[in-house]
Amino acid sequence: PNKEHNCVKECRTLGIKTVAILDTDCDPDLVDLVVPGNDDSIRSIRLLLNYLGDAVAAGRATIPQKPKDDADMSEYKAVPSIR
């Protein structure tokens, strides 16, 4: 949030929740969800993003899929897409 303050400000204006990797030199009050970690190390960022990507993929795998044919729509629930 220190270097990308314009993005954080724009997200707050638009009502978009912000998630940020922060270490001790950042203000945690500027973001909605703080992920403690080394925000200067590409290795640390890559590790956290791989973990988050795996969690998103696992969560999406639990969403019921639309049936191929329209014959059996009784079990299908419309799930809004995740953007």
Protein backbone atom coordinates (compact mmCIF):
# COMPACT_ATOMS: atom_id res chain seq x y z
CA PRO A 1 0.00 0.00 0.00
CA ASN A 2 2.94 2.37 0.41
CA LYS A 3 4.08 2.12 -3.22
CA GLU A 4 0.65 1.44 -4.74
CA HIS A 5 -1.30 4.05 -2.79
CA ASN A 6 -3.21 5.16 -5.91
CA CYS A 7 -4.56 1.63 -6.44
CA VAL A 8 -5.57 1.33 -2.79
CA LYS A 9 -7.31 4.71 -2.89
CA GLU A 10 -9.17 3.80 -6.10
CA CYS A 11 -10.29 0.46 -4.62
CA ARG A 12 -11.61 2.19 -1.52
CA THR A 13 -13.50 4.69 -3.68
CA LEU A 14 -15.08 1.89 -5.74
CA GLY A 15 -15.83 -0.28 -2.70
CA ILE A 16 -13.46 -3.07 -3.79
CA LYS A 17 -11.92 -5.09 -0.96
CA THR A 18 -8.13 -5.06 -0.90
CA VAL A 19 -5.75 -7.86 0.04
CA ALA A 20 -2.05 -7.14 0.52
CA ILE A 21 1.14 -8.81 1.65
CA LEU A 22 2.58 -6.54 4.34
CA ASP A 23 5.66 -6.51 6.50
CA THR A 24 6.58 -4.22 9.38
CA ASP A 25 7.16 -1.07 7.30
CA CYS A 26 3.54 -0.84 6.01
CA ASP A 27 0.35 0.53 7.54
CA PRO A 28 -2.19 -2.33 7.89
CA ASP A 29 -5.09 0.12 8.25
CA LEU A 30 -4.95 0.89 4.52
CA VAL A 31 -6.06 -2.59 3.38
CA ASP A 32 -9.01 -4.83 4.23
CA LEU A 33 -7.21 -8.17 4.51
CA VAL A 34 -3.59 -8.26 5.63
CA VAL A 35 -1.36 -11.22 4.74
CA PRO A 36 1.76 -10.96 6.92
CA GLY A 37 4.91 -11.68 4.96
CA ASN A 38 7.95 -10.28 3.25
CA ASP A 39 6.56 -8.02 0.54
CA ASP A 40 10.03 -7.30 -0.89
CA SER A 41 11.05 -10.89 -1.69
CA ILE A 42 9.87 -12.38 -5.00
CA ARG A 43 10.30 -15.83 -3.47
CA SER A 44 7.92 -15.04 -0.62
CA ILE A 45 5.37 -13.45 -2.97
CA ARG A 46 5.54 -16.43 -5.34
CA LEU A 47 5.01 -18.87 -2.43
CA LEU A 48 1.97 -16.99 -1.13
CA LEU A 49 0.41 -16.57 -4.58
CA ASN A 50 0.86 -20.28 -5.38
CA TYR A 51 -0.84 -21.15 -2.09
CA LEU A 52 -3.72 -18.73 -2.75
CA GLY A 53 -4.08 -19.98 -6.34
CA ASP A 54 -4.35 -23.58 -5.12
CA ALA A 55 -6.98 -22.54 -2.56
CA VAL A 56 -9.05 -20.76 -5.23
CA ALA A 57 -8.82 -23.78 -7.55
CA ALA A 58 -9.91 -26.11 -4.73
CA GLY A 59 -12.83 -23.83 -3.91
CA ARG A 60 -13.97 -23.62 -7.51
CA ALA A 61 -13.84 -27.42 -7.79
CA THR A 62 -16.59 -27.63 -5.17
CA ILE A 63 -19.04 -25.50 -7.21
CA PRO A 64 -21.67 -27.72 -8.88
CA GLN A 65 -21.26 -27.84 -12.64
CA LYS A 66 -24.11 -27.18 -15.07
CA PRO A 67 -25.36 -30.44 -16.63
CA LYS A 68 -24.39 -31.08 -20.27
CA ASP A 69 -28.01 -31.69 -21.31
CA ASP A 70 -30.94 -29.60 -20.16
CA ALA A 71 -32.96 -32.68 -19.16
CA ASP A 72 -31.94 -32.77 -15.49
CA MET A 73 -31.90 -29.23 -14.11
CA SER A 74 -33.35 -30.15 -10.70
CA GLU A 75 -29.99 -30.34 -8.89
CA TYR A 76 -28.38 -27.37 -10.62
CA LYS A 77 -28.14 -24.15 -8.63
CA ALA A 78 -26.98 -21.03 -10.37
CA VAL A 79 -23.71 -19.85 -8.83
CA PRO A 80 -22.49 -16.34 -9.62
CA SER A 81 -19.14 -16.25 -11.34
CA ILE A 82 -16.11 -15.22 -9.32
CA ARG A 83 -14.38 -12.21 -10.78
